[in-house]
Amino acid sequence: IFHSDRGGQYTSQQFAILATELGVRLSVGRTGQCWDNALAESFSTTSKRELLDTRTWPSRAAARTAIFDFAESWYNWHRLHSSLGYRSPAEYETALAA
């Protein structure tokens, strides 16, 4: 999945054709669909507030590693998500498996 804002270079027909040829799904939708990038915006806001703005980073590599760890070890598995009924993804998947 290729996620972007609605920049003209990403909404052109040529870009859509190239993405289709490469087997890439675009997350950009029609104008007026404010929820198209809601997931990315939510993660971005949360990671900035709860991780990135909490201290200074010695390098981009250190920040990149911290963001990956934040997403994979906490955000994706333990943080409560409103779209899952305020359950963590781990709780949600356990309930689905039962």
N, C-alpha and C. Protein backbone atom coordinates (compact mmCIF):
# COMPACT_ATOMS: atom_id res chain seq x y z
N ILE A 1 0.85 -1.17 0.00
CA ILE A 1 0.00 0.00 0.00
C ILE A 1 0.89 1.23 0.00
N PHE A 2 0.60 2.15 -0.89
CA PHE A 2 1.33 3.42 -0.97
C PHE A 2 0.44 4.50 -0.39
N HIS A 3 0.88 5.12 0.70
CA HIS A 3 0.10 6.17 1.33
C HIS A 3 0.73 7.52 1.04
N SER A 4 -0.10 8.48 0.69
CA SER A 4 0.38 9.83 0.47
C SER A 4 -0.74 10.81 0.77
N ASP A 5 -0.37 12.09 0.76
CA ASP A 5 -1.40 13.11 0.83
C ASP A 5 -2.01 13.21 -0.56
N ARG A 6 -2.81 14.19 -0.80
CA ARG A 6 -3.45 14.32 -2.11
C ARG A 6 -2.66 15.21 -3.05
N GLY A 7 -1.33 15.15 -2.96
CA GLY A 7 -0.50 15.93 -3.87
C GLY A 7 -0.76 15.54 -5.32
N GLY A 8 -0.71 16.50 -6.20
CA GLY A 8 -1.03 16.27 -7.60
C GLY A 8 -0.23 15.15 -8.24
N GLN A 9 1.03 15.00 -7.84
CA GLN A 9 1.85 13.94 -8.44
C GLN A 9 1.33 12.55 -8.06
N TYR A 10 0.60 12.45 -6.95
CA TYR A 10 0.10 11.14 -6.50
C TYR A 10 -1.33 10.86 -6.94
N THR A 11 -2.01 11.87 -7.46
CA THR A 11 -3.40 11.67 -7.87
C THR A 11 -3.56 11.64 -9.38
N SER A 12 -2.46 11.71 -10.10
CA SER A 12 -2.55 11.71 -11.55
C SER A 12 -2.90 10.32 -12.07
N GLN A 13 -3.48 10.29 -13.24
CA GLN A 13 -3.83 9.02 -13.88
C GLN A 13 -2.57 8.22 -14.20
N GLN A 14 -1.51 8.89 -14.61
CA GLN A 14 -0.25 8.19 -14.92
C GLN A 14 0.29 7.46 -13.70
N PHE A 15 0.24 8.11 -12.54
CA PHE A 15 0.73 7.49 -11.31
C PHE A 15 -0.14 6.28 -10.95
N ALA A 16 -1.44 6.40 -11.11
CA ALA A 16 -2.36 5.30 -10.81
C ALA A 16 -2.09 4.11 -11.73
N ILE A 17 -1.83 4.38 -12.99
CA ILE A 17 -1.54 3.30 -13.95
C ILE A 17 -0.23 2.60 -13.57
N LEU A 18 0.79 3.37 -13.26
CA LEU A 18 2.07 2.80 -12.86
C LEU A 18 1.91 1.95 -11.59
N ALA A 19 1.18 2.45 -10.63
CA ALA A 19 0.95 1.70 -9.39
C ALA A 19 0.26 0.38 -9.69
N THR A 20 -0.74 0.40 -10.55
CA THR A 20 -1.46 -0.82 -10.92
C THR A 20 -0.52 -1.80 -11.60
N GLU A 21 0.30 -1.32 -12.51
CA GLU A 21 1.26 -2.19 -13.21
C GLU A 21 2.24 -2.84 -12.23
N LEU A 22 2.61 -2.11 -11.18
CA LEU A 22 3.56 -2.62 -10.20
C LEU A 22 2.89 -3.41 -9.07
N GLY A 23 1.56 -3.47 -9.10
CA GLY A 23 0.84 -4.19 -8.06
C GLY A 23 0.78 -3.45 -6.74
N VAL A 24 0.84 -2.12 -6.80
CA VAL A 24 0.82 -1.30 -5.60
C VAL A 24 -0.58 -0.70 -5.44
N ARG A 25 -1.14 -0.85 -4.26
CA ARG A 25 -2.46 -0.29 -3.97
C ARG A 25 -2.27 1.12 -3.40
N LEU A 26 -3.04 2.07 -3.91
CA LEU A 26 -2.95 3.45 -3.45
C LEU A 26 -3.96 3.70 -2.34
N SER A 27 -3.54 4.42 -1.30
CA SER A 27 -4.47 4.72 -0.21
C SER A 27 -5.17 6.05 -0.40
N VAL A 28 -4.84 6.78 -1.43
CA VAL A 28 -5.47 8.07 -1.68
C VAL A 28 -6.83 7.83 -2.31
N GLY A 29 -7.84 8.48 -1.78
CA GLY A 29 -9.19 8.32 -2.32
C GLY A 29 -9.66 9.59 -2.98
N ARG A 30 -10.96 9.66 -3.14
CA ARG A 30 -11.57 10.82 -3.78
C ARG A 30 -11.55 12.03 -2.84
N THR A 31 -11.66 13.21 -3.41
CA THR A 31 -11.78 14.42 -2.63
C THR A 31 -13.02 14.33 -1.76
N GLY A 32 -12.89 14.77 -0.52
CA GLY A 32 -14.03 14.73 0.38
C GLY A 32 -14.05 13.52 1.29
N GLN A 33 -13.14 12.58 1.09
CA GLN A 33 -13.07 11.40 1.96
C GLN A 33 -11.99 11.65 3.01
N CYS A 34 -12.39 12.28 4.08
CA CYS A 34 -11.42 12.69 5.09
C CYS A 34 -10.82 11.51 5.84
N TRP A 35 -11.45 10.35 5.77
CA TRP A 35 -10.95 9.19 6.50
C TRP A 35 -9.91 8.39 5.73
N ASP A 36 -9.59 8.79 4.52
CA ASP A 36 -8.60 8.07 3.71
C ASP A 36 -7.29 7.87 4.44
N ASN A 37 -6.81 8.92 5.07
CA ASN A 37 -5.52 8.80 5.72
C ASN A 37 -5.64 8.89 7.23
N ALA A 38 -6.82 8.58 7.76
CA ALA A 38 -7.05 8.71 9.20
C ALA A 38 -6.11 7.81 9.99
N LEU A 39 -5.86 6.61 9.53
CA LEU A 39 -4.98 5.70 10.26
C LEU A 39 -3.56 6.26 10.33
N ALA A 40 -3.05 6.71 9.20
CA ALA A 40 -1.69 7.28 9.17
C ALA A 40 -1.62 8.55 10.02
N GLU A 41 -2.64 9.40 9.93
CA GLU A 41 -2.65 10.63 10.72
C GLU A 41 -2.71 10.31 12.21
N SER A 42 -3.50 9.33 12.59
CA SER A 42 -3.61 8.95 14.00
C SER A 42 -2.27 8.44 14.52
N PHE A 43 -1.63 7.56 13.76
CA PHE A 43 -0.33 7.05 14.19
C PHE A 43 0.69 8.17 14.27
N SER A 44 0.70 9.04 13.28
CA SER A 44 1.66 10.14 13.26
C SER A 44 1.47 11.03 14.48
N THR A 45 0.25 11.40 14.78
CA THR A 45 -0.03 12.25 15.93
C THR A 45 0.37 11.58 17.23
N THR A 46 -0.01 10.31 17.37
CA THR A 46 0.31 9.59 18.60
C THR A 46 1.81 9.42 18.77
N SER A 47 2.50 9.04 17.71
CA SER A 47 3.94 8.82 17.84
C SER A 47 4.67 10.13 18.15
N LYS A 48 4.22 11.23 17.58
CA LYS A 48 4.84 12.51 17.90
C LYS A 48 4.61 12.88 19.36
N ARG A 49 3.37 12.75 19.81
CA ARG A 49 3.02 13.16 21.17
C ARG A 49 3.64 12.24 22.23
N GLU A 50 3.62 10.94 21.99
CA GLU A 50 4.03 9.99 23.01
C GLU A 50 5.48 9.51 22.90
N LEU A 51 6.13 9.80 21.78
CA LEU A 51 7.49 9.32 21.59
C LEU A 51 8.45 10.43 21.17
N LEU A 52 8.21 11.00 20.02
CA LEU A 52 9.19 11.90 19.43
C LEU A 52 9.35 13.21 20.18
N ASP A 53 8.27 13.75 20.72
CA ASP A 53 8.35 15.03 21.42
C ASP A 53 8.80 14.89 22.87
N THR A 54 9.10 13.66 23.30
CA THR A 54 9.46 13.45 24.70
C THR A 54 10.94 13.66 24.99
N ARG A 55 11.77 13.69 23.96
CA ARG A 55 13.20 13.89 24.16
C ARG A 55 13.86 14.25 22.84
N THR A 56 15.12 14.58 22.89
CA THR A 56 15.87 14.87 21.67
C THR A 56 16.52 13.57 21.19
N TRP A 57 16.79 13.52 19.91
CA TRP A 57 17.33 12.31 19.30
C TRP A 57 18.74 12.59 18.78
N PRO A 58 19.70 11.71 19.07
CA PRO A 58 21.08 11.95 18.65
C PRO A 58 21.30 11.83 17.14
N SER A 59 20.40 11.08 16.48
CA SER A 59 20.55 10.90 15.03
C SER A 59 19.23 10.46 14.44
N ARG A 60 19.13 10.55 13.13
CA ARG A 60 17.94 10.06 12.44
C ARG A 60 17.79 8.55 12.62
N ALA A 61 18.91 7.86 12.59
CA ALA A 61 18.88 6.40 12.76
C ALA A 61 18.31 6.02 14.12
N ALA A 62 18.68 6.75 15.16
CA ALA A 62 18.15 6.46 16.49
C ALA A 62 16.65 6.72 16.54
N ALA A 63 16.21 7.82 15.94
CA ALA A 63 14.77 8.13 15.91
C ALA A 63 14.02 7.09 15.09
N ARG A 64 14.58 6.68 13.95
CA ARG A 64 13.96 5.67 13.09
C ARG A 64 13.79 4.35 13.85
N THR A 65 14.82 3.94 14.56
CA THR A 65 14.75 2.70 15.35
C THR A 65 13.70 2.82 16.45
N ALA A 66 13.65 3.97 17.12
CA ALA A 66 12.67 4.18 18.18
C ALA A 66 11.25 4.15 17.63
N ILE A 67 11.04 4.74 16.47
CA ILE A 67 9.70 4.72 15.85
C ILE A 67 9.30 3.29 15.50
N PHE A 68 10.21 2.53 14.92
CA PHE A 68 9.92 1.13 14.59
C PHE A 68 9.57 0.34 15.85
N ASP A 69 10.38 0.48 16.88
CA ASP A 69 10.12 -0.23 18.14
C ASP A 69 8.78 0.19 18.75
N PHE A 70 8.49 1.49 18.70
CA PHE A 70 7.23 2.02 19.22
C PHE A 70 6.05 1.37 18.48
N ALA A 71 6.14 1.33 17.16
CA ALA A 71 5.04 0.78 16.36
C ALA A 71 4.89 -0.72 16.56
N GLU A 72 5.98 -1.44 16.50
CA GLU A 72 5.91 -2.90 16.53
C GLU A 72 5.72 -3.49 17.92
N SER A 73 6.24 -2.84 18.94
CA SER A 73 6.15 -3.47 20.26
C SER A 73 5.06 -2.88 21.13
N TRP A 74 4.60 -1.68 20.83
CA TRP A 74 3.58 -1.10 21.70
C TRP A 74 2.34 -0.66 20.92
N TYR A 75 2.48 0.21 19.96
CA TYR A 75 1.32 0.79 19.27
C TYR A 75 0.45 -0.28 18.62
N ASN A 76 1.07 -1.19 17.90
CA ASN A 76 0.30 -2.20 17.17
C ASN A 76 -0.28 -3.29 18.05
N TRP A 77 0.24 -3.46 19.26
CA TRP A 77 -0.20 -4.60 20.08
C TRP A 77 -0.83 -4.26 21.41
N HIS A 78 -0.46 -3.14 22.00
CA HIS A 78 -0.94 -2.87 23.36
C HIS A 78 -1.81 -1.62 23.48
N ARG A 79 -1.64 -0.68 22.58
CA ARG A 79 -2.40 0.57 22.68
C ARG A 79 -3.86 0.30 22.35
N LEU A 80 -4.76 0.94 23.12
CA LEU A 80 -6.19 0.79 22.86
C LEU A 80 -6.56 1.57 21.61
N HIS A 81 -7.32 0.93 20.73
CA HIS A 81 -7.72 1.53 19.47
C HIS A 81 -9.24 1.70 19.46
N SER A 82 -9.69 2.90 19.17
CA SER A 82 -11.14 3.15 19.15
C SER A 82 -11.84 2.31 18.09
N SER A 83 -11.17 2.04 16.98
CA SER A 83 -11.79 1.25 15.91
C SER A 83 -11.98 -0.22 16.31
N LEU A 84 -11.34 -0.64 17.40
CA LEU A 84 -11.46 -2.03 17.89
C LEU A 84 -12.27 -2.08 19.18
N GLY A 85 -13.10 -1.08 19.37
CA GLY A 85 -13.91 -1.05 20.58
C GLY A 85 -13.09 -0.76 21.83
N TYR A 86 -12.06 0.06 21.68
CA TYR A 86 -11.15 0.42 22.77
C TYR A 86 -10.50 -0.81 23.40
N ARG A 87 -10.12 -1.72 22.52
CA ARG A 87 -9.32 -2.88 22.91
C ARG A 87 -7.99 -2.78 22.19
N SER A 88 -7.01 -3.47 22.72
CA SER A 88 -5.73 -3.52 22.03
C SER A 88 -5.85 -4.52 20.88
N PRO A 89 -5.01 -4.39 19.87
CA PRO A 89 -5.03 -5.38 18.79
C PRO A 89 -4.82 -6.80 19.30
N ALA A 90 -3.98 -6.98 20.31
CA ALA A 90 -3.76 -8.31 20.87
C ALA A 90 -5.05 -8.86 21.48
N GLU A 91 -5.75 -8.04 22.23
CA GLU A 91 -7.05 -8.46 22.80
C GLU A 91 -8.06 -8.76 21.71
N TYR A 92 -8.10 -7.93 20.70
CA TYR A 92 -9.03 -8.10 19.59
C TYR A 92 -8.78 -9.43 18.87
N GLU A 93 -7.52 -9.69 18.55
CA GLU A 93 -7.18 -10.94 17.85
C GLU A 93 -7.45 -12.16 18.71
N THR A 94 -7.21 -12.07 20.00
CA THR A 94 -7.50 -13.18 20.91
C THR A 94 -9.00 -13.46 20.91
N ALA A 95 -9.81 -12.40 20.96
CA ALA A 95 -11.28 -12.55 20.94
C ALA A 95 -11.74 -13.16 19.62
N LEU A 96 -11.12 -12.78 18.52
CA LEU A 96 -11.51 -13.35 17.22
C LEU A 96 -11.16 -14.83 17.12
N ALA A 97 -10.05 -15.20 17.71
CA ALA A 97 -9.60 -16.60 17.65
C ALA A 97 -10.46 -17.51 18.52
N ALA A 98 -11.10 -16.95 19.54
CA ALA A 98 -11.90 -17.77 20.47
C ALA A 98 -13.25 -18.14 19.90
